[in-house]
């Protein structure tokens, strides 16, 4: 099989195309002919060497798969050859998705939403599970509550706005200038242009001083320390960002706040829940750009420029 292999830590030119043996599934695994994968911030972090201790080179990276089951292991009964599936490979748990074939444990695989193309499905598997774990399983966001989604125009933020809206919560979000109208169209009740107004002041105004029940942090920086200023009593903060800089959380004490630090765990059942939202049209993924697999360097370079309005997808098969 053809694969784009990370041969060194560094810039977007750190990948090399290689021909490798086709992988074979174990008893409880499936082999998938990959049709599409996508670029996530985690991919760039791994490429740069941020997780050098967890990733031995040379390595195949990538964290989204949409494709067709090609082979099934002897103990797999829930899938068969020809099934269209999507999933996120186990993070730091083996080869990733920048290849023509991928082998995965059956338990992390889900059937692809029937209304999505492979490119669309590949754009949402990791972010979808991450949002579901953050908002539903950890924060337990409720119909009557209010959530603030930081970075509503980003890959995770855009899905989070839609999932929160589908739950029935009131959704506030932050975005930059030209992105405000797009995030409103995703379903946010109000979008704060953070270049024009401090979000703490804006939330105070929009909630008439009551604050929000949940903060979803996709941007890092000082969000953890400032969140107590906009939380209601017993509010929850969910962060998806590994912020290394120490922050003073003394304000959380006065709110009885709960903090959740989420590093997504792969599970086909979570993805099945996201699938139901996707198939009902309550969550709509957006693909920004597509590149062939062997142009992964260009895809990574474009990803680091930002301001895309959708995910970057790598086409593996037409």
C-alpha atoms as a PDB file:
ATOM      1  CA  UNK A   1       0.000   0.000   0.000  1.00  0.00           C
ATOM      2  CA  UNK A   2       1.001   3.622  -0.449  1.00  0.00           C
ATOM      3  CA  UNK A   3       1.443   5.618   2.751  1.00  0.00           C
ATOM      4  CA  UNK A   4       2.700   9.068   3.669  1.00  0.00           C
ATOM      5  CA  UNK A   5       5.289   8.398   6.356  1.00  0.00           C
ATOM      6  CA  UNK A   6       6.564  10.944   8.861  1.00  0.00           C
ATOM      7  CA  UNK A   7      10.338  10.464   8.735  1.00  0.00           C
ATOM      8  CA  UNK A   8      11.444  13.365  10.940  1.00  0.00           C
ATOM      9  CA  UNK A   9       9.937  15.957  13.251  1.00  0.00           C
ATOM     10  CA  UNK A  10       9.688  19.380  11.687  1.00  0.00           C
ATOM     11  CA  UNK A  11       7.828  21.273   8.996  1.00  0.00           C
ATOM     12  CA  UNK A  12       5.240  20.177   6.440  1.00  0.00           C
ATOM     13  CA  UNK A  13       7.991  18.664   4.262  1.00  0.00           C
ATOM     14  CA  UNK A  14       8.693  15.978   6.880  1.00  0.00           C
ATOM     15  CA  UNK A  15       6.629  13.324   5.058  1.00  0.00           C
ATOM     16  CA  UNK A  16       7.843  10.759   2.541  1.00  0.00           C
ATOM     17  CA  UNK A  17       5.741   8.571   0.251  1.00  0.00           C
ATOM     18  CA  UNK A  18       6.490   4.872   0.752  1.00  0.00           C
ATOM     19  CA  UNK A  19       5.213   1.527  -0.457  1.00  0.00           C
ATOM     20  CA  UNK A  20       4.509  -0.710   2.529  1.00  0.00           C
ATOM     21  CA  UNK A  21       3.013  -4.197   2.950  1.00  0.00           C
ATOM     22  CA  UNK A  22      -0.767  -4.254   3.231  1.00  0.00           C
ATOM     23  CA  UNK A  23      -1.727  -4.674   6.924  1.00  0.00           C
ATOM     24  CA  UNK A  24      -3.682  -7.740   8.028  1.00  0.00           C
ATOM     25  CA  UNK A  25      -6.493  -7.655  10.614  1.00  0.00           C
ATOM     26  CA  UNK A  26      -6.400  -9.588  13.860  1.00  0.00           C
ATOM     27  CA  UNK A  27      -9.353 -11.664  15.141  1.00  0.00           C
ATOM     28  CA  UNK A  28     -11.296  -8.642  16.486  1.00  0.00           C
ATOM     29  CA  UNK A  29     -10.183  -6.168  13.840  1.00  0.00           C
ATOM     30  CA  UNK A  30     -11.273  -4.913  10.441  1.00  0.00           C
ATOM     31  CA  UNK A  31      -9.159  -3.732   7.533  1.00  0.00           C
ATOM     32  CA  UNK A  32     -10.510  -0.637   5.834  1.00  0.00           C
ATOM     33  CA  UNK A  33      -9.739   0.649   2.358  1.00  0.00           C
ATOM     34  CA  UNK A  34      -9.339   4.334   3.216  1.00  0.00           C
ATOM     35  CA  UNK A  35     -11.207   6.728   0.914  1.00  0.00           C
ATOM     36  CA  UNK A  36     -10.561   9.941   2.835  1.00  0.00           C
ATOM     37  CA  UNK A  37      -8.822  11.274   5.923  1.00  0.00           C
ATOM     38  CA  UNK A  38      -8.395  14.817   7.228  1.00  0.00           C
ATOM     39  CA  UNK A  39      -5.953  17.188   8.884  1.00  0.00           C
ATOM     40  CA  UNK A  40      -6.369  17.914  12.595  1.00  0.00           C
ATOM     41  CA  UNK A  41      -4.358  20.250  14.865  1.00  0.00           C
ATOM     42  CA  UNK A  42      -3.088  17.118  16.622  1.00  0.00           C
ATOM     43  CA  UNK A  43      -1.457  16.017  13.349  1.00  0.00           C
ATOM     44  CA  UNK A  44       0.518  19.231  13.180  1.00  0.00           C
ATOM     45  CA  UNK A  45       1.569  18.924  16.820  1.00  0.00           C
ATOM     46  CA  UNK A  46       2.821  15.388  16.252  1.00  0.00           C
ATOM     47  CA  UNK A  47       4.639  16.411  13.063  1.00  0.00           C
ATOM     48  CA  UNK A  48       6.424  19.250  14.870  1.00  0.00           C
ATOM     49  CA  UNK A  49       7.591  16.898  17.637  1.00  0.00           C
ATOM     50  CA  UNK A  50       5.314  18.007  20.473  1.00  0.00           C
ATOM     51  CA  UNK A  51       4.631  14.329  21.287  1.00  0.00           C
ATOM     52  CA  UNK A  52       8.022  12.884  20.377  1.00  0.00           C
ATOM     53  CA  UNK A  53       7.976  10.641  23.451  1.00  0.00           C
ATOM     54  CA  UNK A  54       4.757   8.985  22.265  1.00  0.00           C
ATOM     55  CA  UNK A  55       5.537   8.664  18.547  1.00  0.00           C
ATOM     56  CA  UNK A  56       8.431   6.557  17.305  1.00  0.00           C
ATOM     57  CA  UNK A  57       9.711   7.433  13.836  1.00  0.00           C
ATOM     58  CA  UNK A  58       9.175   6.546  11.074  1.00  0.00           C
ATOM     59  CA  UNK A  59       5.418   6.755  11.652  1.00  0.00           C
ATOM     60  CA  UNK A  60       2.130   6.916   9.799  1.00  0.00           C
ATOM     61  CA  UNK A  61       0.005   9.564  11.494  1.00  0.00           C
ATOM     62  CA  UNK A  62      -3.571  10.772  10.902  1.00  0.00           C
ATOM     63  CA  UNK A  63      -6.723  10.628  13.020  1.00  0.00           C
ATOM     64  CA  UNK A  64      -9.747  10.287  10.750  1.00  0.00           C
ATOM     65  CA  UNK A  65     -10.825   7.433   8.502  1.00  0.00           C
ATOM     66  CA  UNK A  66     -13.747   7.121   6.141  1.00  0.00           C
ATOM     67  CA  UNK A  67     -13.731   4.127   3.849  1.00  0.00           C
ATOM     68  CA  UNK A  68     -14.967   0.629   3.064  1.00  0.00           C
ATOM     69  CA  UNK A  69     -14.344  -2.541   5.052  1.00  0.00           C
ATOM     70  CA  UNK A  70     -12.021  -4.728   3.010  1.00  0.00           C
ATOM     71  CA  UNK A  71     -11.371  -7.651   5.368  1.00  0.00           C
ATOM     72  CA  UNK A  72     -12.733  -8.726   8.754  1.00  0.00           C
ATOM     73  CA  UNK A  73     -11.069 -10.741  11.484  1.00  0.00           C
ATOM     74  CA  UNK A  74     -12.282 -14.194  12.418  1.00  0.00           C
ATOM     75  CA  UNK A  75     -14.173 -12.978  15.517  1.00  0.00           C
ATOM     76  CA  UNK A  76     -15.840  -9.914  13.976  1.00  0.00           C
ATOM     77  CA  UNK A  77     -19.600 -10.274  13.491  1.00  0.00           C
ATOM     78  CA  UNK A  78     -20.812  -6.647  13.431  1.00  0.00           C
ATOM     79  CA  UNK A  79     -19.130  -5.725  10.127  1.00  0.00           C
ATOM     80  CA  UNK A  80     -18.518  -7.400   6.815  1.00  0.00           C
ATOM     81  CA  UNK A  81     -16.621  -6.634   3.636  1.00  0.00           C
ATOM     82  CA  UNK A  82     -18.287  -3.801   1.712  1.00  0.00           C
ATOM     83  CA  UNK A  83     -19.599  -1.884   4.731  1.00  0.00           C
ATOM     84  CA  UNK A  84     -18.967   1.862   4.604  1.00  0.00           C
ATOM     85  CA  UNK A  85     -17.489   2.988   7.915  1.00  0.00           C
ATOM     86  CA  UNK A  86     -15.792   5.892   9.638  1.00  0.00           C
ATOM     87  CA  UNK A  87     -13.807   6.270  12.846  1.00  0.00           C
ATOM     88  CA  UNK A  88     -10.754   7.729  14.562  1.00  0.00           C
ATOM     89  CA  UNK A  89      -7.718   5.461  14.919  1.00  0.00           C
ATOM     90  CA  UNK A  90      -6.510   5.008  18.478  1.00  0.00           C
ATOM     91  CA  UNK A  91      -4.420   8.055  19.320  1.00  0.00           C
ATOM     92  CA  UNK A  92      -0.811   7.013  19.981  1.00  0.00           C
ATOM     93  CA  UNK A  93      -2.032   3.417  19.628  1.00  0.00           C
ATOM     94  CA  UNK A  94      -0.518   2.396  16.293  1.00  0.00           C
ATOM     95  CA  UNK A  95      -0.417   3.514  12.655  1.00  0.00           C
ATOM     96  CA  UNK A  96      -2.668   6.378  11.610  1.00  0.00           C
ATOM     97  CA  UNK A  97      -4.771   7.125   8.563  1.00  0.00           C
ATOM     98  CA  UNK A  98      -2.410   8.680   5.977  1.00  0.00           C
ATOM     99  CA  UNK A  99      -2.395   5.430   4.000  1.00  0.00           C
ATOM    100  CA  UNK A 100      -4.415   3.381   1.529  1.00  0.00           C
ATOM    101  CA  UNK A 101      -5.376   0.793   4.178  1.00  0.00           C
ATOM    102  CA  UNK A 102      -5.905   0.942   7.921  1.00  0.00           C
ATOM    103  CA  UNK A 103      -6.557  -1.795  10.477  1.00  0.00           C
ATOM    104  CA  UNK A 104      -8.698  -0.973  13.509  1.00  0.00           C
ATOM    105  CA  UNK A 105     -10.306  -2.710  16.467  1.00  0.00           C
ATOM    106  CA  UNK A 106     -13.967  -3.306  15.624  1.00  0.00           C
ATOM    107  CA  UNK A 107     -15.064  -1.553  18.825  1.00  0.00           C
ATOM    108  CA  UNK A 108     -13.972   1.894  17.640  1.00  0.00           C
ATOM    109  CA  UNK A 109     -15.576   1.638  14.193  1.00  0.00           C
ATOM    110  CA  UNK A 110     -19.028   2.962  13.232  1.00  0.00           C
ATOM    111  CA  UNK A 111     -21.091   2.826  10.063  1.00  0.00           C
ATOM    112  CA  UNK A 112     -20.682   5.937   7.952  1.00  0.00           C
ATOM    113  CA  UNK A 113     -23.697   8.282   7.930  1.00  0.00           C
ATOM    114  CA  UNK A 114     -25.657   7.451   4.782  1.00  0.00           C
ATOM    115  CA  UNK A 115     -26.101  11.112   3.854  1.00  0.00           C
ATOM    116  CA  UNK A 116     -22.403  12.005   3.953  1.00  0.00           C
ATOM    117  CA  UNK A 117     -19.647  11.581   1.394  1.00  0.00           C
ATOM    118  CA  UNK A 118     -16.412   9.979   2.506  1.00  0.00           C
ATOM    119  CA  UNK A 119     -14.778  13.417   2.556  1.00  0.00           C
ATOM    120  CA  UNK A 120     -17.513  14.797   4.812  1.00  0.00           C
ATOM    121  CA  UNK A 121     -17.393  11.781   7.123  1.00  0.00           C
ATOM    122  CA  UNK A 122     -13.603  11.996   7.391  1.00  0.00           C
ATOM    123  CA  UNK A 123     -13.918  15.625   8.428  1.00  0.00           C
ATOM    124  CA  UNK A 124     -16.058  14.884  11.479  1.00  0.00           C
ATOM    125  CA  UNK A 125     -15.061  11.605  13.153  1.00  0.00           C
ATOM    126  CA  UNK A 126     -12.441  12.927  15.605  1.00  0.00           C
ATOM    127  CA  UNK A 127     -14.088  16.290  16.263  1.00  0.00           C
ATOM    128  CA  UNK A 128     -17.515  14.675  16.581  1.00  0.00           C
ATOM    129  CA  UNK A 129     -16.436  12.204  19.250  1.00  0.00           C
ATOM    130  CA  UNK A 130     -14.451  14.914  21.041  1.00  0.00           C
ATOM    131  CA  UNK A 131     -17.467  17.234  21.206  1.00  0.00           C
ATOM    132  CA  UNK A 132     -19.779  14.410  22.287  1.00  0.00           C
ATOM    133  CA  UNK A 133     -17.440  13.397  25.092  1.00  0.00           C
ATOM    134  CA  UNK A 134     -16.916  16.997  26.179  1.00  0.00           C
ATOM    135  CA  UNK A 135     -20.465  18.354  26.111  1.00  0.00           C
ATOM    136  CA  UNK A 136     -22.598  15.249  26.668  1.00  0.00           C
ATOM    137  CA  UNK A 137     -20.565  12.784  28.713  1.00  0.00           C
ATOM    138  CA  UNK A 138     -18.435  15.156  30.760  1.00  0.00           C
ATOM    139  CA  UNK A 139     -20.313  18.472  31.042  1.00  0.00           C
ATOM    140  CA  UNK A 140     -23.750  16.776  30.789  1.00  0.00           C
ATOM    141  CA  UNK A 141     -25.173  19.843  29.052  1.00  0.00           C
ATOM    142  CA  UNK A 142     -28.958  20.103  29.536  1.00  0.00           C
ATOM    143  CA  UNK A 143     -31.830  21.525  27.494  1.00  0.00           C
ATOM    144  CA  UNK A 144     -32.407  24.519  29.763  1.00  0.00           C
ATOM    145  CA  UNK A 145     -28.747  25.502  30.115  1.00  0.00           C
ATOM    146  CA  UNK A 146     -26.485  28.036  28.433  1.00  0.00           C
ATOM    147  CA  UNK A 147     -23.073  27.163  26.988  1.00  0.00           C
ATOM    148  CA  UNK A 148     -20.260  29.367  25.733  1.00  0.00           C
ATOM    149  CA  UNK A 149     -18.241  27.777  22.899  1.00  0.00           C
ATOM    150  CA  UNK A 150     -14.860  29.411  22.459  1.00  0.00           C
ATOM    151  CA  UNK A 151     -13.724  29.403  18.829  1.00  0.00           C
ATOM    152  CA  UNK A 152     -17.103  28.727  17.239  1.00  0.00           C
ATOM    153  CA  UNK A 153     -15.699  28.970  13.715  1.00  0.00           C
ATOM    154  CA  UNK A 154     -13.009  26.331  14.248  1.00  0.00           C
ATOM    155  CA  UNK A 155     -13.183  22.662  13.346  1.00  0.00           C
ATOM    156  CA  UNK A 156     -14.255  21.565  16.836  1.00  0.00           C
ATOM    157  CA  UNK A 157     -16.148  24.747  17.675  1.00  0.00           C
ATOM    158  CA  UNK A 158     -18.408  24.591  14.615  1.00  0.00           C
ATOM    159  CA  UNK A 159     -19.490  21.044  15.469  1.00  0.00           C
ATOM    160  CA  UNK A 160     -19.869  21.963  19.152  1.00  0.00           C
ATOM    161  CA  UNK A 161     -22.236  24.826  18.344  1.00  0.00           C
ATOM    162  CA  UNK A 162     -24.434  22.467  16.336  1.00  0.00           C
ATOM    163  CA  UNK A 163     -24.402  19.662  18.912  1.00  0.00           C
ATOM    164  CA  UNK A 164     -25.264  22.068  21.724  1.00  0.00           C
ATOM    165  CA  UNK A 165     -28.083  23.511  19.613  1.00  0.00           C
ATOM    166  CA  UNK A 166     -29.383  19.990  18.907  1.00  0.00           C
ATOM    167  CA  UNK A 167     -29.398  19.270  22.658  1.00  0.00           C
ATOM    168  CA  UNK A 168     -31.619  22.304  23.087  1.00  0.00           C
ATOM    169  CA  UNK A 169     -29.231  24.513  25.028  1.00  0.00           C
ATOM    170  CA  UNK A 170     -28.814  28.237  24.478  1.00  0.00           C
ATOM    171  CA  UNK A 171     -25.530  28.622  22.612  1.00  0.00           C
ATOM    172  CA  UNK A 172     -23.178  31.589  22.879  1.00  0.00           C
ATOM    173  CA  UNK A 173     -19.934  31.537  20.926  1.00  0.00           C
ATOM    174  CA  UNK A 174     -16.833  33.576  20.272  1.00  0.00           C
ATOM    175  CA  UNK A 175     -15.502  34.226  16.774  1.00  0.00           C
ATOM    176  CA  UNK A 176     -13.464  36.735  14.817  1.00  0.00           C
ATOM    177  CA  UNK A 177     -14.974  39.457  12.620  1.00  0.00           C
ATOM    178  CA  UNK A 178     -15.830  37.843   9.288  1.00  0.00           C
ATOM    179  CA  UNK A 179     -16.680  34.510  10.969  1.00  0.00           C
ATOM    180  CA  UNK A 180     -19.457  35.899  13.169  1.00  0.00           C
ATOM    181  CA  UNK A 181     -22.255  35.559  10.621  1.00  0.00           C
ATOM    182  CA  UNK A 182     -21.250  31.984   9.753  1.00  0.00           C
ATOM    183  CA  UNK A 183     -21.314  30.904  13.396  1.00  0.00           C
ATOM    184  CA  UNK A 184     -24.744  32.492  13.780  1.00  0.00           C
ATOM    185  CA  UNK A 185     -25.934  30.385  10.853  1.00  0.00           C
ATOM    186  CA  UNK A 186     -24.681  27.279  12.663  1.00  0.00           C
ATOM    187  CA  UNK A 187     -27.239  27.955  15.384  1.00  0.00           C
ATOM    188  CA  UNK A 188     -25.594  30.180  17.982  1.00  0.00           C
ATOM    189  CA  UNK A 189     -28.036  32.517  19.724  1.00  0.00           C
ATOM    190  CA  UNK A 190     -25.333  35.183  19.971  1.00  0.00           C
ATOM    191  CA  UNK A 191     -21.772  35.387  18.671  1.00  0.00           C
ATOM    192  CA  UNK A 192     -19.198  37.568  20.411  1.00  0.00           C
ATOM    193  CA  UNK A 193     -16.638  39.209  18.136  1.00  0.00           C
ATOM    194  CA  UNK A 194     -13.644  38.880  20.445  1.00  0.00           C
ATOM    195  CA  UNK A 195     -11.697  41.462  18.468  1.00  0.00           C
ATOM    196  CA  UNK A 196     -14.290  44.093  19.362  1.00  0.00           C
ATOM    197  CA  UNK A 197     -15.507  43.120  22.826  1.00  0.00           C
ATOM    198  CA  UNK A 198     -14.082  41.268  25.799  1.00  0.00           C
ATOM    199  CA  UNK A 199     -16.007  38.011  26.095  1.00  0.00           C
ATOM    200  CA  UNK A 200     -16.367  38.321  29.886  1.00  0.00           C
ATOM    201  CA  UNK A 201     -18.159  41.642  29.485  1.00  0.00           C
ATOM    202  CA  UNK A 202     -20.203  40.269  26.576  1.00  0.00           C
ATOM    203  CA  UNK A 203     -21.384  37.200  28.486  1.00  0.00           C
ATOM    204  CA  UNK A 204     -22.332  39.371  31.445  1.00  0.00           C
ATOM    205  CA  UNK A 205     -24.427  41.522  29.085  1.00  0.00           C
ATOM    206  CA  UNK A 206     -25.996  38.620  27.172  1.00  0.00           C
ATOM    207  CA  UNK A 207     -26.962  36.694  30.309  1.00  0.00           C
ATOM    208  CA  UNK A 208     -27.947  39.773  32.340  1.00  0.00           C
ATOM    209  CA  UNK A 209     -25.276  38.945  34.873  1.00  0.00           C
ATOM    210  CA  UNK A 210     -26.339  35.320  35.408  1.00  0.00           C
ATOM    211  CA  UNK A 211     -23.442  33.736  33.525  1.00  0.00           C
ATOM    212  CA  UNK A 212     -23.305  30.420  31.664  1.00  0.00           C
ATOM    213  CA  UNK A 213     -23.609  26.858  32.864  1.00  0.00           C
ATOM    214  CA  UNK A 214     -20.862  25.419  30.659  1.00  0.00           C
ATOM    215  CA  UNK A 215     -17.748  26.768  28.966  1.00  0.00           C
ATOM    216  CA  UNK A 216     -16.205  24.735  26.136  1.00  0.00           C
ATOM    217  CA  UNK A 217     -12.602  25.812  25.609  1.00  0.00           C
ATOM    218  CA  UNK A 218     -11.022  25.102  22.216  1.00  0.00           C
ATOM    219  CA  UNK A 219      -8.441  27.914  22.274  1.00  0.00           C
ATOM    220  CA  UNK A 220      -6.416  27.647  25.493  1.00  0.00           C
ATOM    221  CA  UNK A 221      -4.409  30.681  26.622  1.00  0.00           C
ATOM    222  CA  UNK A 222      -6.008  32.192  29.784  1.00  0.00           C
ATOM    223  CA  UNK A 223      -9.438  30.647  29.316  1.00  0.00           C
ATOM    224  CA  UNK A 224      -9.206  28.402  32.378  1.00  0.00           C
ATOM    225  CA  UNK A 225      -8.428  31.307  34.709  1.00  0.00           C
ATOM    226  CA  UNK A 226     -11.053  33.652  33.246  1.00  0.00           C
ATOM    227  CA  UNK A 227     -13.918  31.157  32.979  1.00  0.00           C
ATOM    228  CA  UNK A 228     -15.038  31.536  36.626  1.00  0.00           C
ATOM    229  CA  UNK A 229     -15.893  35.172  35.852  1.00  0.00           C
ATOM    230  CA  UNK A 230     -18.674  34.001  33.497  1.00  0.00           C
ATOM    231  CA  UNK A 231     -19.855  30.831  35.256  1.00  0.00           C
ATOM    232  CA  UNK A 232     -23.014  30.304  37.233  1.00  0.00           C
ATOM    233  CA  UNK A 233     -22.880  28.480  40.550  1.00  0.00           C
ATOM    234  CA  UNK A 234     -21.844  24.822  39.986  1.00  0.00           C
ATOM    235  CA  UNK A 235     -20.791  25.643  36.421  1.00  0.00           C
ATOM    236  CA  UNK A 236     -18.564  23.364  34.369  1.00  0.00           C
ATOM    237  CA  UNK A 237     -15.530  24.098  32.210  1.00  0.00           C
ATOM    238  CA  UNK A 238     -14.460  21.635  29.520  1.00  0.00           C
ATOM    239  CA  UNK A 239     -11.082  22.221  27.898  1.00  0.00           C
ATOM    240  CA  UNK A 240      -9.693  20.384  24.902  1.00  0.00           C
ATOM    241  CA  UNK A 241      -6.373  22.241  24.947  1.00  0.00           C
ATOM    242  CA  UNK A 242      -3.203  21.024  26.640  1.00  0.00           C
ATOM    243  CA  UNK A 243      -2.122  24.344  28.165  1.00  0.00           C
ATOM    244  CA  UNK A 244       1.330  24.094  29.720  1.00  0.00           C
ATOM    245  CA  UNK A 245       1.329  27.562  31.313  1.00  0.00           C
ATOM    246  CA  UNK A 246       0.176  27.538  34.978  1.00  0.00           C
ATOM    247  CA  UNK A 247      -3.087  29.403  35.622  1.00  0.00           C
ATOM    248  CA  UNK A 248      -4.618  30.662  38.841  1.00  0.00           C
ATOM    249  CA  UNK A 249      -7.986  28.955  39.293  1.00  0.00           C
ATOM    250  CA  UNK A 250      -8.863  30.547  42.653  1.00  0.00           C
ATOM    251  CA  UNK A 251     -11.973  32.074  41.076  1.00  0.00           C
ATOM    252  CA  UNK A 252     -13.353  28.583  40.425  1.00  0.00           C
ATOM    253  CA  UNK A 253     -13.543  27.999  44.195  1.00  0.00           C
ATOM    254  CA  UNK A 254     -16.218  30.623  44.665  1.00  0.00           C
ATOM    255  CA  UNK A 255     -18.367  29.117  41.897  1.00  0.00           C
ATOM    256  CA  UNK A 256     -18.017  25.485  42.994  1.00  0.00           C
ATOM    257  CA  UNK A 257     -16.844  24.979  39.416  1.00  0.00           C
ATOM    258  CA  UNK A 258     -15.906  21.642  37.890  1.00  0.00           C
ATOM    259  CA  UNK A 259     -13.110  21.417  35.323  1.00  0.00           C
ATOM    260  CA  UNK A 260     -12.901  18.619  32.760  1.00  0.00           C
ATOM    261  CA  UNK A 261      -9.714  18.041  30.780  1.00  0.00           C
ATOM    262  CA  UNK A 262     -10.694  16.006  27.720  1.00  0.00           C
ATOM    263  CA  UNK A 263      -8.394  13.945  25.529  1.00  0.00           C
ATOM    264  CA  UNK A 264     -10.809  12.071  23.312  1.00  0.00           C
ATOM    265  CA  UNK A 265     -11.198   8.334  23.821  1.00  0.00           C
ATOM    266  CA  UNK A 266     -12.188   6.298  20.783  1.00  0.00           C
ATOM    267  CA  UNK A 267     -15.466   4.384  21.014  1.00  0.00           C
ATOM    268  CA  UNK A 268     -17.798   3.330  18.199  1.00  0.00           C
ATOM    269  CA  UNK A 269     -20.858   3.881  20.401  1.00  0.00           C
ATOM    270  CA  UNK A 270     -20.041   7.570  20.813  1.00  0.00           C
ATOM    271  CA  UNK A 271     -19.641   7.861  17.074  1.00  0.00           C
ATOM    272  CA  UNK A 272     -23.005   6.114  16.572  1.00  0.00           C
ATOM    273  CA  UNK A 273     -24.598   8.881  18.670  1.00  0.00           C
ATOM    274  CA  UNK A 274     -22.963  11.531  16.491  1.00  0.00           C
ATOM    275  CA  UNK A 275     -24.144   9.638  13.401  1.00  0.00           C
ATOM    276  CA  UNK A 276     -27.749  10.006  14.477  1.00  0.00           C
ATOM    277  CA  UNK A 277     -27.344  13.782  14.617  1.00  0.00           C
ATOM    278  CA  UNK A 278     -25.600  13.822  11.246  1.00  0.00           C
ATOM    279  CA  UNK A 279     -28.247  11.701   9.539  1.00  0.00           C
ATOM    280  CA  UNK A 280     -31.030  13.909  10.910  1.00  0.00           C
ATOM    281  CA  UNK A 281     -29.296  16.982   9.542  1.00  0.00           C
ATOM    282  CA  UNK A 282     -28.873  18.484  13.014  1.00  0.00           C
ATOM    283  CA  UNK A 283     -25.105  18.582  12.538  1.00  0.00           C
ATOM    284  CA  UNK A 284     -23.642  19.416   9.129  1.00  0.00           C
ATOM    285  CA  UNK A 285     -19.860  19.101   8.618  1.00  0.00           C
ATOM    286  CA  UNK A 286     -18.092  21.457   6.259  1.00  0.00           C
ATOM    287  CA  UNK A 287     -15.121  20.571   4.089  1.00  0.00           C
ATOM    288  CA  UNK A 288     -12.915  23.562   3.323  1.00  0.00           C
ATOM    289  CA  UNK A 289     -10.294  22.146   0.953  1.00  0.00           C
ATOM    290  CA  UNK A 290      -9.324  18.753  -0.469  1.00  0.00           C
ATOM    291  CA  UNK A 291      -5.856  17.510  -1.437  1.00  0.00           C
ATOM    292  CA  UNK A 292      -4.649  14.165  -2.820  1.00  0.00           C
ATOM    293  CA  UNK A 293      -2.896  11.997  -0.238  1.00  0.00           C
ATOM    294  CA  UNK A 294       0.539  12.567  -1.744  1.00  0.00           C
ATOM    295  CA  UNK A 295       0.115  16.338  -1.309  1.00  0.00           C
ATOM    296  CA  UNK A 296      -0.006  16.021   2.462  1.00  0.00           C
ATOM    297  CA  UNK A 297       2.815  18.578   2.821  1.00  0.00           C
ATOM    298  CA  UNK A 298       0.728  21.220   1.028  1.00  0.00           C
ATOM    299  CA  UNK A 299      -2.295  20.277   3.141  1.00  0.00           C
ATOM    300  CA  UNK A 300      -0.332  20.724   6.381  1.00  0.00           C
ATOM    301  CA  UNK A 301       1.095  24.029   5.213  1.00  0.00           C
ATOM    302  CA  UNK A 302      -2.360  25.326   4.320  1.00  0.00           C
ATOM    303  CA  UNK A 303      -3.774  24.114   7.642  1.00  0.00           C
ATOM    304  CA  UNK A 304      -1.233  26.196   9.541  1.00  0.00           C
ATOM    305  CA  UNK A 305      -2.322  29.330   7.689  1.00  0.00           C
ATOM    306  CA  UNK A 306      -5.794  29.036   9.289  1.00  0.00           C
ATOM    307  CA  UNK A 307      -8.985  30.909   8.322  1.00  0.00           C
ATOM    308  CA  UNK A 308     -10.415  28.044   6.266  1.00  0.00           C
ATOM    309  CA  UNK A 309     -14.083  27.820   7.203  1.00  0.00           C
ATOM    310  CA  UNK A 310     -13.955  24.015   7.081  1.00  0.00           C
ATOM    311  CA  UNK A 311     -11.728  20.959   7.471  1.00  0.00           C
ATOM    312  CA  UNK A 312      -8.893  20.046   5.113  1.00  0.00           C
ATOM    313  CA  UNK A 313      -9.453  16.570   3.674  1.00  0.00           C
ATOM    314  CA  UNK A 314      -6.951  14.209   2.067  1.00  0.00           C
ATOM    315  CA  UNK A 315      -8.460  12.135  -0.741  1.00  0.00           C
ATOM    316  CA  UNK A 316      -6.978   8.644  -0.696  1.00  0.00           C
ATOM    317  CA  UNK A 317      -9.315   7.038  -3.239  1.00  0.00           C
ATOM    318  CA  UNK A 318     -11.626   8.727  -5.732  1.00  0.00           C
END
